[in-house]
Amino acid sequence: MDGGMSDESLILSLPELLDRRAAELGERTALCFEGDRISYRELAELSSRAAGMFRSRGVNAGDRVVVLLRNARELPVALGACARLEAILVPLNPQHRGDVLRYMVSHAEPAAMLVDSSLLDGSQQADVRASAVKAKLFEAAEFLTSVSSSTPYPGTADPFAPGAIVYTSDTTGRS
């Protein structure tokens, strides 16, 4: 390759990429959704702190973390945190209901769940919790506040570690 760089030096894990971009681009906007902006520095920092919080509550490499969220800053923070821990992010569509949602949560066998309870009515909240009895539950409304006071997790990840399980329409084997 040109410049003496090997192919391997071009392969970065998501945490390495986040840290590198935070150092290079700092306060520049990394993500923007409906006017809510998050800088590269803030995304890397929050992801590291979220990884620290997940780790302190027993989430390990290979564990699955179900997220049931709106499109908001919690989602990329959770993605970065899971990548740093080599945990597996399982994003679920907040429009799923009833048997489909229960099945996906149960099938994913999560160690933790990050849920925006405002997306679910009372019986759906109970269904989701019952489907993942062993999972530690994190409420989206309190997630970033809890994360900001957590100790950062310094680990980097294997760029080839599994990163996500994505359920798509009609792939659950259930109708």
N, C-alpha and C. Protein backbone atom coordinates (compact mmCIF):
# COMPACT_ATOMS: atom_id res chain seq x y z
N MET A 1 0.83 -1.19 0.00
CA MET A 1 0.00 0.00 0.00
C MET A 1 0.86 1.24 0.00
N ASP A 2 0.32 2.33 -0.47
CA ASP A 2 1.02 3.61 -0.51
C ASP A 2 1.28 4.13 0.90
N GLY A 3 2.38 4.84 1.07
CA GLY A 3 2.68 5.48 2.34
C GLY A 3 3.13 4.53 3.42
N GLY A 4 3.39 3.28 3.10
CA GLY A 4 3.87 2.33 4.09
C GLY A 4 2.81 1.85 5.06
N MET A 5 1.55 2.13 4.80
CA MET A 5 0.48 1.67 5.69
C MET A 5 0.04 0.27 5.30
N SER A 6 -0.09 -0.58 6.28
CA SER A 6 -0.59 -1.92 5.99
C SER A 6 -2.11 -1.90 5.96
N ASP A 7 -2.70 -2.92 5.37
CA ASP A 7 -4.15 -3.03 5.36
C ASP A 7 -4.71 -3.06 6.78
N GLU A 8 -3.97 -3.72 7.70
CA GLU A 8 -4.44 -3.84 9.08
C GLU A 8 -4.50 -2.50 9.78
N SER A 9 -3.63 -1.55 9.43
CA SER A 9 -3.65 -0.25 10.09
C SER A 9 -4.87 0.57 9.70
N LEU A 10 -5.57 0.15 8.66
CA LEU A 10 -6.76 0.86 8.22
C LEU A 10 -8.02 0.34 8.90
N ILE A 11 -7.91 -0.76 9.63
CA ILE A 11 -9.06 -1.37 10.27
C ILE A 11 -9.15 -0.85 11.70
N LEU A 12 -10.25 -0.17 11.99
CA LEU A 12 -10.48 0.39 13.32
C LEU A 12 -11.77 -0.16 13.90
N SER A 13 -11.80 -0.34 15.20
CA SER A 13 -13.06 -0.65 15.86
C SER A 13 -13.84 0.65 16.01
N LEU A 14 -15.12 0.55 16.28
CA LEU A 14 -15.93 1.75 16.47
C LEU A 14 -15.39 2.62 17.61
N PRO A 15 -15.01 2.05 18.77
CA PRO A 15 -14.45 2.90 19.82
C PRO A 15 -13.16 3.61 19.39
N GLU A 16 -12.31 2.92 18.64
CA GLU A 16 -11.09 3.56 18.14
C GLU A 16 -11.43 4.71 17.20
N LEU A 17 -12.41 4.49 16.35
CA LEU A 17 -12.83 5.54 15.42
C LEU A 17 -13.43 6.72 16.18
N LEU A 18 -14.30 6.45 17.16
CA LEU A 18 -14.88 7.53 17.95
C LEU A 18 -13.80 8.33 18.67
N ASP A 19 -12.85 7.64 19.30
CA ASP A 19 -11.77 8.32 20.02
C ASP A 19 -10.91 9.14 19.07
N ARG A 20 -10.61 8.59 17.93
CA ARG A 20 -9.79 9.29 16.94
C ARG A 20 -10.50 10.55 16.44
N ARG A 21 -11.77 10.41 16.10
CA ARG A 21 -12.53 11.56 15.62
C ARG A 21 -12.71 12.61 16.71
N ALA A 22 -12.89 12.18 17.95
CA ALA A 22 -13.02 13.13 19.06
C ALA A 22 -11.73 13.95 19.20
N ALA A 23 -10.58 13.29 19.07
CA ALA A 23 -9.30 13.99 19.16
C ALA A 23 -9.10 14.95 17.98
N GLU A 24 -9.52 14.53 16.80
CA GLU A 24 -9.31 15.34 15.59
C GLU A 24 -10.34 16.46 15.43
N LEU A 25 -11.61 16.16 15.77
CA LEU A 25 -12.69 17.09 15.43
C LEU A 25 -13.39 17.71 16.64
N GLY A 26 -13.09 17.21 17.84
CA GLY A 26 -13.57 17.80 19.09
C GLY A 26 -15.02 18.22 19.12
N GLU A 27 -15.24 19.53 19.10
CA GLU A 27 -16.57 20.09 19.28
C GLU A 27 -17.40 20.18 18.00
N ARG A 28 -16.84 19.76 16.89
CA ARG A 28 -17.63 19.75 15.65
C ARG A 28 -18.78 18.77 15.78
N THR A 29 -19.85 19.02 15.08
CA THR A 29 -21.06 18.20 15.19
C THR A 29 -20.84 16.83 14.55
N ALA A 30 -21.08 15.80 15.35
CA ALA A 30 -21.01 14.43 14.86
C ALA A 30 -22.39 13.98 14.38
N LEU A 31 -23.42 14.31 15.16
CA LEU A 31 -24.78 13.89 14.86
C LEU A 31 -25.75 15.02 15.17
N CYS A 32 -26.81 15.09 14.39
CA CYS A 32 -27.86 16.08 14.63
C CYS A 32 -29.19 15.44 14.30
N PHE A 33 -30.13 15.55 15.22
CA PHE A 33 -31.47 15.05 14.96
C PHE A 33 -32.46 16.01 15.60
N GLU A 34 -33.32 16.57 14.78
CA GLU A 34 -34.35 17.51 15.23
C GLU A 34 -33.76 18.61 16.12
N GLY A 35 -32.62 19.15 15.69
CA GLY A 35 -31.99 20.26 16.41
C GLY A 35 -31.11 19.85 17.57
N ASP A 36 -31.13 18.60 17.96
CA ASP A 36 -30.28 18.12 19.05
C ASP A 36 -28.94 17.71 18.45
N ARG A 37 -27.90 18.46 18.79
CA ARG A 37 -26.57 18.21 18.24
C ARG A 37 -25.69 17.56 19.30
N ILE A 38 -24.83 16.66 18.83
CA ILE A 38 -23.85 16.03 19.72
C ILE A 38 -22.50 16.10 19.01
N SER A 39 -21.51 16.56 19.75
CA SER A 39 -20.17 16.70 19.16
C SER A 39 -19.44 15.36 19.17
N TYR A 40 -18.36 15.30 18.41
CA TYR A 40 -17.52 14.10 18.40
C TYR A 40 -16.96 13.82 19.79
N ARG A 41 -16.50 14.87 20.47
CA ARG A 41 -15.96 14.71 21.82
C ARG A 41 -17.03 14.17 22.76
N GLU A 42 -18.22 14.76 22.70
CA GLU A 42 -19.31 14.36 23.59
C GLU A 42 -19.76 12.92 23.30
N LEU A 43 -19.83 12.55 22.03
CA LEU A 43 -20.23 11.19 21.68
C LEU A 43 -19.22 10.17 22.20
N ALA A 44 -17.94 10.44 22.03
CA ALA A 44 -16.91 9.53 22.53
C ALA A 44 -16.95 9.44 24.06
N GLU A 45 -17.08 10.59 24.71
CA GLU A 45 -17.10 10.63 26.17
C GLU A 45 -18.33 9.92 26.73
N LEU A 46 -19.49 10.23 26.20
CA LEU A 46 -20.71 9.59 26.69
C LEU A 46 -20.70 8.08 26.42
N SER A 47 -20.19 7.68 25.27
CA SER A 47 -20.11 6.25 24.95
C SER A 47 -19.19 5.53 25.92
N SER A 48 -18.06 6.14 26.25
CA SER A 48 -17.12 5.54 27.19
C SER A 48 -17.74 5.45 28.59
N ARG A 49 -18.41 6.50 29.00
CA ARG A 49 -19.07 6.49 30.33
C ARG A 49 -20.22 5.49 30.35
N ALA A 50 -20.99 5.40 29.26
CA ALA A 50 -22.09 4.42 29.20
C ALA A 50 -21.53 3.00 29.27
N ALA A 51 -20.41 2.77 28.61
CA ALA A 51 -19.75 1.45 28.69
C ALA A 51 -19.35 1.17 30.13
N GLY A 52 -18.82 2.18 30.81
CA GLY A 52 -18.46 2.02 32.22
C GLY A 52 -19.65 1.69 33.09
N MET A 53 -20.77 2.36 32.83
CA MET A 53 -21.98 2.09 33.60
C MET A 53 -22.50 0.69 33.31
N PHE A 54 -22.59 0.31 32.03
CA PHE A 54 -23.03 -1.05 31.70
C PHE A 54 -22.11 -2.08 32.36
N ARG A 55 -20.81 -1.87 32.25
CA ARG A 55 -19.84 -2.83 32.80
C ARG A 55 -20.00 -2.95 34.32
N SER A 56 -20.19 -1.80 35.00
CA SER A 56 -20.33 -1.83 36.46
C SER A 56 -21.60 -2.54 36.90
N ARG A 57 -22.54 -2.69 35.97
CA ARG A 57 -23.80 -3.38 36.29
C ARG A 57 -23.85 -4.77 35.67
N GLY A 58 -22.67 -5.29 35.30
CA GLY A 58 -22.58 -6.68 34.91
C GLY A 58 -22.68 -7.01 33.44
N VAL A 59 -22.70 -6.02 32.55
CA VAL A 59 -22.74 -6.31 31.11
C VAL A 59 -21.32 -6.60 30.64
N ASN A 60 -21.14 -7.72 29.97
CA ASN A 60 -19.82 -8.18 29.54
C ASN A 60 -19.76 -8.37 28.03
N ALA A 61 -18.57 -8.64 27.53
CA ALA A 61 -18.38 -8.95 26.11
C ALA A 61 -19.28 -10.13 25.74
N GLY A 62 -19.95 -10.00 24.60
CA GLY A 62 -20.83 -11.05 24.12
C GLY A 62 -22.25 -10.97 24.65
N ASP A 63 -22.48 -10.18 25.70
CA ASP A 63 -23.84 -10.00 26.21
C ASP A 63 -24.65 -9.17 25.22
N ARG A 64 -25.93 -9.38 25.25
CA ARG A 64 -26.83 -8.64 24.36
C ARG A 64 -27.52 -7.53 25.14
N VAL A 65 -27.61 -6.37 24.50
CA VAL A 65 -28.27 -5.21 25.10
C VAL A 65 -29.39 -4.78 24.15
N VAL A 66 -30.63 -5.02 24.56
CA VAL A 66 -31.78 -4.61 23.76
C VAL A 66 -32.02 -3.12 23.97
N VAL A 67 -32.22 -2.41 22.88
CA VAL A 67 -32.60 -1.00 22.98
C VAL A 67 -33.92 -0.81 22.26
N LEU A 68 -34.83 -0.16 22.95
CA LEU A 68 -36.14 0.17 22.41
C LEU A 68 -36.31 1.67 22.62
N LEU A 69 -35.90 2.43 21.61
CA LEU A 69 -35.77 3.88 21.74
C LEU A 69 -36.29 4.60 20.51
N ARG A 70 -36.53 5.88 20.70
CA ARG A 70 -36.78 6.78 19.58
C ARG A 70 -35.43 7.09 18.94
N ASN A 71 -35.46 7.76 17.80
CA ASN A 71 -34.21 8.27 17.22
C ASN A 71 -33.79 9.47 18.06
N ALA A 72 -32.82 9.28 18.92
CA ALA A 72 -32.34 10.32 19.82
C ALA A 72 -30.92 9.98 20.23
N ARG A 73 -30.28 10.86 20.98
CA ARG A 73 -28.86 10.69 21.30
C ARG A 73 -28.56 9.42 22.10
N GLU A 74 -29.53 8.89 22.83
CA GLU A 74 -29.28 7.67 23.60
C GLU A 74 -28.87 6.50 22.71
N LEU A 75 -29.43 6.44 21.50
CA LEU A 75 -29.15 5.31 20.61
C LEU A 75 -27.69 5.26 20.16
N PRO A 76 -27.10 6.32 19.59
CA PRO A 76 -25.68 6.23 19.22
C PRO A 76 -24.76 6.10 20.42
N VAL A 77 -25.16 6.65 21.56
CA VAL A 77 -24.36 6.48 22.77
C VAL A 77 -24.35 5.01 23.18
N ALA A 78 -25.52 4.37 23.16
CA ALA A 78 -25.60 2.95 23.50
C ALA A 78 -24.82 2.10 22.50
N LEU A 79 -24.90 2.44 21.23
CA LEU A 79 -24.13 1.72 20.21
C LEU A 79 -22.63 1.81 20.50
N GLY A 80 -22.14 3.01 20.77
CA GLY A 80 -20.72 3.18 21.08
C GLY A 80 -20.32 2.45 22.35
N ALA A 81 -21.20 2.46 23.35
CA ALA A 81 -20.91 1.76 24.61
C ALA A 81 -20.83 0.26 24.39
N CYS A 82 -21.79 -0.29 23.68
CA CYS A 82 -21.78 -1.73 23.41
C CYS A 82 -20.53 -2.12 22.62
N ALA A 83 -20.17 -1.31 21.64
CA ALA A 83 -18.97 -1.61 20.85
C ALA A 83 -17.73 -1.61 21.72
N ARG A 84 -17.63 -0.66 22.64
CA ARG A 84 -16.45 -0.57 23.51
C ARG A 84 -16.35 -1.80 24.41
N LEU A 85 -17.50 -2.32 24.84
CA LEU A 85 -17.52 -3.51 25.72
C LEU A 85 -17.48 -4.82 24.94
N GLU A 86 -17.64 -4.74 23.62
CA GLU A 86 -17.85 -5.90 22.77
C GLU A 86 -19.14 -6.62 23.15
N ALA A 87 -20.10 -5.85 23.67
CA ALA A 87 -21.46 -6.36 23.89
C ALA A 87 -22.19 -6.21 22.56
N ILE A 88 -23.30 -6.86 22.43
CA ILE A 88 -24.02 -6.88 21.16
C ILE A 88 -25.31 -6.06 21.29
N LEU A 89 -25.39 -5.00 20.51
CA LEU A 89 -26.56 -4.14 20.50
C LEU A 89 -27.69 -4.83 19.73
N VAL A 90 -28.89 -4.80 20.31
CA VAL A 90 -30.07 -5.38 19.66
C VAL A 90 -31.13 -4.28 19.59
N PRO A 91 -31.10 -3.47 18.53
CA PRO A 91 -32.10 -2.40 18.41
C PRO A 91 -33.44 -2.97 17.95
N LEU A 92 -34.49 -2.63 18.66
CA LEU A 92 -35.82 -3.10 18.28
C LEU A 92 -36.67 -1.92 17.82
N ASN A 93 -37.52 -2.19 16.86
CA ASN A 93 -38.42 -1.19 16.31
C ASN A 93 -39.48 -0.85 17.35
N PRO A 94 -39.56 0.42 17.77
CA PRO A 94 -40.55 0.79 18.79
C PRO A 94 -41.99 0.67 18.32
N GLN A 95 -42.21 0.41 17.05
CA GLN A 95 -43.57 0.22 16.56
C GLN A 95 -44.06 -1.21 16.72
N HIS A 96 -43.16 -2.15 17.03
CA HIS A 96 -43.58 -3.53 17.27
C HIS A 96 -44.39 -3.59 18.55
N ARG A 97 -45.37 -4.45 18.57
CA ARG A 97 -46.25 -4.59 19.71
C ARG A 97 -46.55 -6.06 19.97
N GLY A 98 -47.15 -6.33 21.12
CA GLY A 98 -47.70 -7.64 21.44
C GLY A 98 -46.74 -8.80 21.30
N ASP A 99 -47.23 -9.87 20.66
CA ASP A 99 -46.47 -11.11 20.54
C ASP A 99 -45.13 -10.92 19.84
N VAL A 100 -45.10 -10.06 18.81
CA VAL A 100 -43.85 -9.86 18.06
C VAL A 100 -42.78 -9.24 18.97
N LEU A 101 -43.15 -8.22 19.71
CA LEU A 101 -42.20 -7.57 20.62
C LEU A 101 -41.76 -8.54 21.72
N ARG A 102 -42.70 -9.24 22.33
CA ARG A 102 -42.35 -10.21 23.37
C ARG A 102 -41.40 -11.27 22.82
N TYR A 103 -41.69 -11.77 21.62
CA TYR A 103 -40.84 -12.79 21.01
C TYR A 103 -39.42 -12.27 20.81
N MET A 104 -39.29 -11.08 20.23
CA MET A 104 -37.96 -10.54 19.95
C MET A 104 -37.15 -10.34 21.22
N VAL A 105 -37.78 -9.80 22.25
CA VAL A 105 -37.08 -9.59 23.52
C VAL A 105 -36.67 -10.92 24.12
N SER A 106 -37.58 -11.87 24.13
CA SER A 106 -37.28 -13.19 24.68
C SER A 106 -36.19 -13.89 23.87
N HIS A 107 -36.31 -13.85 22.56
CA HIS A 107 -35.35 -14.51 21.67
C HIS A 107 -33.95 -13.90 21.79
N ALA A 108 -33.87 -12.60 22.00
CA ALA A 108 -32.57 -11.92 22.10
C ALA A 108 -31.81 -12.30 23.37
N GLU A 109 -32.52 -12.75 24.39
CA GLU A 109 -31.91 -13.12 25.67
C GLU A 109 -30.97 -12.02 26.18
N PRO A 110 -31.50 -10.80 26.39
CA PRO A 110 -30.63 -9.69 26.77
C PRO A 110 -30.12 -9.77 28.20
N ALA A 111 -28.90 -9.27 28.39
CA ALA A 111 -28.35 -9.08 29.73
C ALA A 111 -28.82 -7.74 30.28
N ALA A 112 -29.14 -6.82 29.36
CA ALA A 112 -29.61 -5.49 29.75
C ALA A 112 -30.56 -4.96 28.69
N MET A 113 -31.39 -4.03 29.11
CA MET A 113 -32.33 -3.38 28.20
C MET A 113 -32.33 -1.88 28.48
N LEU A 114 -32.30 -1.11 27.41
CA LEU A 114 -32.43 0.34 27.49
C LEU A 114 -33.75 0.67 26.80
N VAL A 115 -34.73 1.12 27.57
CA VAL A 115 -36.09 1.26 27.07
C VAL A 115 -36.63 2.65 27.34
N ASP A 116 -37.27 3.22 26.33
CA ASP A 116 -38.04 4.45 26.49
C ASP A 116 -39.47 4.01 26.82
N SER A 117 -39.80 4.01 28.10
CA SER A 117 -41.10 3.51 28.55
C SER A 117 -42.27 4.31 27.99
N SER A 118 -42.01 5.55 27.58
CA SER A 118 -43.10 6.36 27.03
C SER A 118 -43.59 5.81 25.69
N LEU A 119 -42.82 4.91 25.09
CA LEU A 119 -43.23 4.29 23.83
C LEU A 119 -44.20 3.13 24.04
N LEU A 120 -44.34 2.69 25.29
CA LEU A 120 -45.13 1.50 25.59
C LEU A 120 -46.23 1.82 26.59
N ASP A 121 -47.40 1.21 26.43
CA ASP A 121 -48.42 1.36 27.46
C ASP A 121 -48.06 0.41 28.61
N GLY A 122 -48.83 0.49 29.69
CA GLY A 122 -48.52 -0.29 30.90
C GLY A 122 -48.40 -1.78 30.67
N SER A 123 -49.32 -2.37 29.91
CA SER A 123 -49.26 -3.82 29.69
C SER A 123 -48.06 -4.19 28.81
N GLN A 124 -47.72 -3.32 27.86
CA GLN A 124 -46.55 -3.60 27.02
C GLN A 124 -45.26 -3.51 27.84
N GLN A 125 -45.20 -2.57 28.77
CA GLN A 125 -44.04 -2.48 29.65
C GLN A 125 -43.90 -3.76 30.46
N ALA A 126 -45.00 -4.24 31.00
CA ALA A 126 -44.98 -5.49 31.77
C ALA A 126 -44.57 -6.67 30.89
N ASP A 127 -45.08 -6.71 29.65
CA ASP A 127 -44.72 -7.79 28.72
C ASP A 127 -43.22 -7.80 28.43
N VAL A 128 -42.68 -6.62 28.17
CA VAL A 128 -41.25 -6.52 27.85
C VAL A 128 -40.41 -6.96 29.05
N ARG A 129 -40.77 -6.51 30.22
CA ARG A 129 -40.02 -6.90 31.43
C ARG A 129 -40.13 -8.41 31.68
N ALA A 130 -41.31 -8.96 31.48
CA ALA A 130 -41.52 -10.40 31.70
C ALA A 130 -40.76 -11.23 30.67
N SER A 131 -40.57 -10.70 29.48
CA SER A 131 -39.86 -11.43 28.42
C SER A 131 -38.36 -11.47 28.64
N ALA A 132 -37.88 -10.59 29.49
CA ALA A 132 -36.43 -10.51 29.75
C ALA A 132 -36.21 -10.45 31.26
N VAL A 133 -36.59 -11.51 31.93
CA VAL A 133 -36.58 -11.55 33.39
C VAL A 133 -35.20 -11.25 33.98
N LYS A 134 -34.15 -11.76 33.35
CA LYS A 134 -32.80 -11.62 33.90
C LYS A 134 -32.11 -10.32 33.50
N ALA A 135 -32.71 -9.56 32.61
CA ALA A 135 -32.06 -8.35 32.09
C ALA A 135 -32.11 -7.21 33.09
N LYS A 136 -31.02 -6.47 33.15
CA LYS A 136 -31.01 -5.23 33.92
C LYS A 136 -31.70 -4.18 33.07
N LEU A 137 -32.60 -3.43 33.68
CA LEU A 137 -33.39 -2.46 32.93
C LEU A 137 -32.86 -1.05 33.15
N PHE A 138 -32.64 -0.33 32.05
CA PHE A 138 -32.23 1.07 32.10
C PHE A 138 -33.34 1.87 31.42
N GLU A 139 -33.80 2.91 32.08
CA GLU A 139 -34.85 3.77 31.51
C GLU A 139 -34.19 4.89 30.72
N ALA A 140 -34.64 5.08 29.49
CA ALA A 140 -34.05 6.09 28.60
C ALA A 140 -34.08 7.48 29.21
N ALA A 141 -35.14 7.82 29.92
CA ALA A 141 -35.27 9.16 30.49
C ALA A 141 -34.17 9.48 31.50
N GLU A 142 -33.60 8.47 32.12
CA GLU A 142 -32.56 8.66 33.13
C GLU A 142 -31.17 8.24 32.65
N PHE A 143 -31.10 7.67 31.47
CA PHE A 143 -29.88 7.06 30.97
C PHE A 143 -28.71 8.05 30.90
N LEU A 144 -28.88 9.16 30.22
CA LEU A 144 -27.76 10.09 30.03
C LEU A 144 -27.34 10.75 31.34
N THR A 145 -28.29 10.98 32.25
CA THR A 145 -27.95 11.53 33.56
C THR A 145 -27.08 10.53 34.33
N SER A 146 -27.48 9.27 34.32
CA SER A 146 -26.69 8.22 34.98
C SER A 146 -25.32 8.06 34.33
N VAL A 147 -25.31 8.11 33.01
CA VAL A 147 -24.06 7.95 32.27
C VAL A 147 -23.07 9.06 32.60
N SER A 148 -23.54 10.30 32.70
CA SER A 148 -22.64 11.43 32.89
C SER A 148 -21.88 11.36 34.21
N SER A 149 -22.40 10.62 35.18
CA SER A 149 -21.69 10.49 36.46
C SER A 149 -20.95 9.16 36.58
N SER A 150 -20.93 8.37 35.52
CA SER A 150 -20.25 7.06 35.54
C SER A 150 -18.78 7.20 35.17
N THR A 151 -18.00 6.25 35.60
CA THR A 151 -16.59 6.21 35.27
C THR A 151 -16.40 5.71 33.84
N PRO A 152 -15.60 6.42 33.04
CA PRO A 152 -15.37 5.96 31.66
C PRO A 152 -14.73 4.57 31.62
N TYR A 153 -15.07 3.82 30.60
CA TYR A 153 -14.48 2.51 30.37
C TYR A 153 -13.41 2.68 29.30
N PRO A 154 -12.16 2.41 29.63
CA PRO A 154 -11.06 2.73 28.71
C PRO A 154 -10.82 1.71 27.60
N GLY A 155 -11.52 0.60 27.62
CA GLY A 155 -11.21 -0.47 26.68
C GLY A 155 -11.45 -0.11 25.23
N THR A 156 -10.71 -0.78 24.38
CA THR A 156 -10.99 -0.72 22.95
C THR A 156 -11.49 -2.10 22.56
N ALA A 157 -11.99 -2.24 21.37
CA ALA A 157 -12.64 -3.48 20.99
C ALA A 157 -11.98 -4.11 19.79
N ASP A 158 -12.20 -5.39 19.65
CA ASP A 158 -11.80 -6.11 18.46
C ASP A 158 -12.69 -5.63 17.31
N PRO A 159 -12.11 -5.10 16.24
CA PRO A 159 -12.95 -4.60 15.15
C PRO A 159 -13.77 -5.68 14.45
N PHE A 160 -13.46 -6.94 14.72
CA PHE A 160 -14.18 -8.04 14.10
C PHE A 160 -15.18 -8.71 15.04
N ALA A 161 -15.33 -8.17 16.26
CA ALA A 161 -16.30 -8.73 17.21
C ALA A 161 -17.72 -8.44 16.71
N PRO A 162 -18.65 -9.38 16.93
CA PRO A 162 -20.04 -9.10 16.54
C PRO A 162 -20.52 -7.84 17.23
N GLY A 163 -21.26 -7.00 16.50
CA GLY A 163 -21.68 -5.72 17.06
C GLY A 163 -23.17 -5.55 17.24
N ALA A 164 -23.96 -6.25 16.44
CA ALA A 164 -25.41 -6.04 16.52
C ALA A 164 -26.16 -7.26 16.02
N ILE A 165 -27.34 -7.43 16.54
CA ILE A 165 -28.33 -8.37 16.02
C ILE A 165 -29.51 -7.50 15.61
N VAL A 166 -29.86 -7.56 14.35
CA VAL A 166 -30.93 -6.71 13.85
C VAL A 166 -32.07 -7.59 13.36
N TYR A 167 -33.22 -7.43 14.00
CA TYR A 167 -34.42 -8.12 13.56
C TYR A 167 -35.07 -7.24 12.49
N THR A 168 -35.36 -7.83 11.36
CA THR A 168 -36.03 -7.09 10.29
C THR A 168 -37.39 -7.70 10.04
N SER A 169 -38.20 -7.03 9.28
CA SER A 169 -39.55 -7.53 9.00
C SER A 169 -39.51 -8.93 8.42
N ASP A 170 -40.36 -9.78 8.94
CA ASP A 170 -40.54 -11.14 8.44
C ASP A 170 -39.32 -12.04 8.57
N THR A 171 -38.39 -11.72 9.48
CA THR A 171 -37.24 -12.61 9.64
C THR A 171 -37.26 -13.33 10.99
N THR A 172 -38.30 -13.13 11.77
CA THR A 172 -38.34 -13.75 13.08
C THR A 172 -38.86 -15.17 13.04
N GLY A 173 -39.38 -15.59 11.89
CA GLY A 173 -39.95 -16.92 11.79
C GLY A 173 -41.34 -17.00 12.38
N ARG A 174 -41.87 -15.87 12.80
CA ARG A 174 -43.21 -15.81 13.38
C ARG A 174 -44.06 -14.91 12.53
N SER A 175 -45.35 -15.19 12.46
CA SER A 175 -46.24 -14.31 11.69
C SER A 175 -47.38 -13.81 12.55
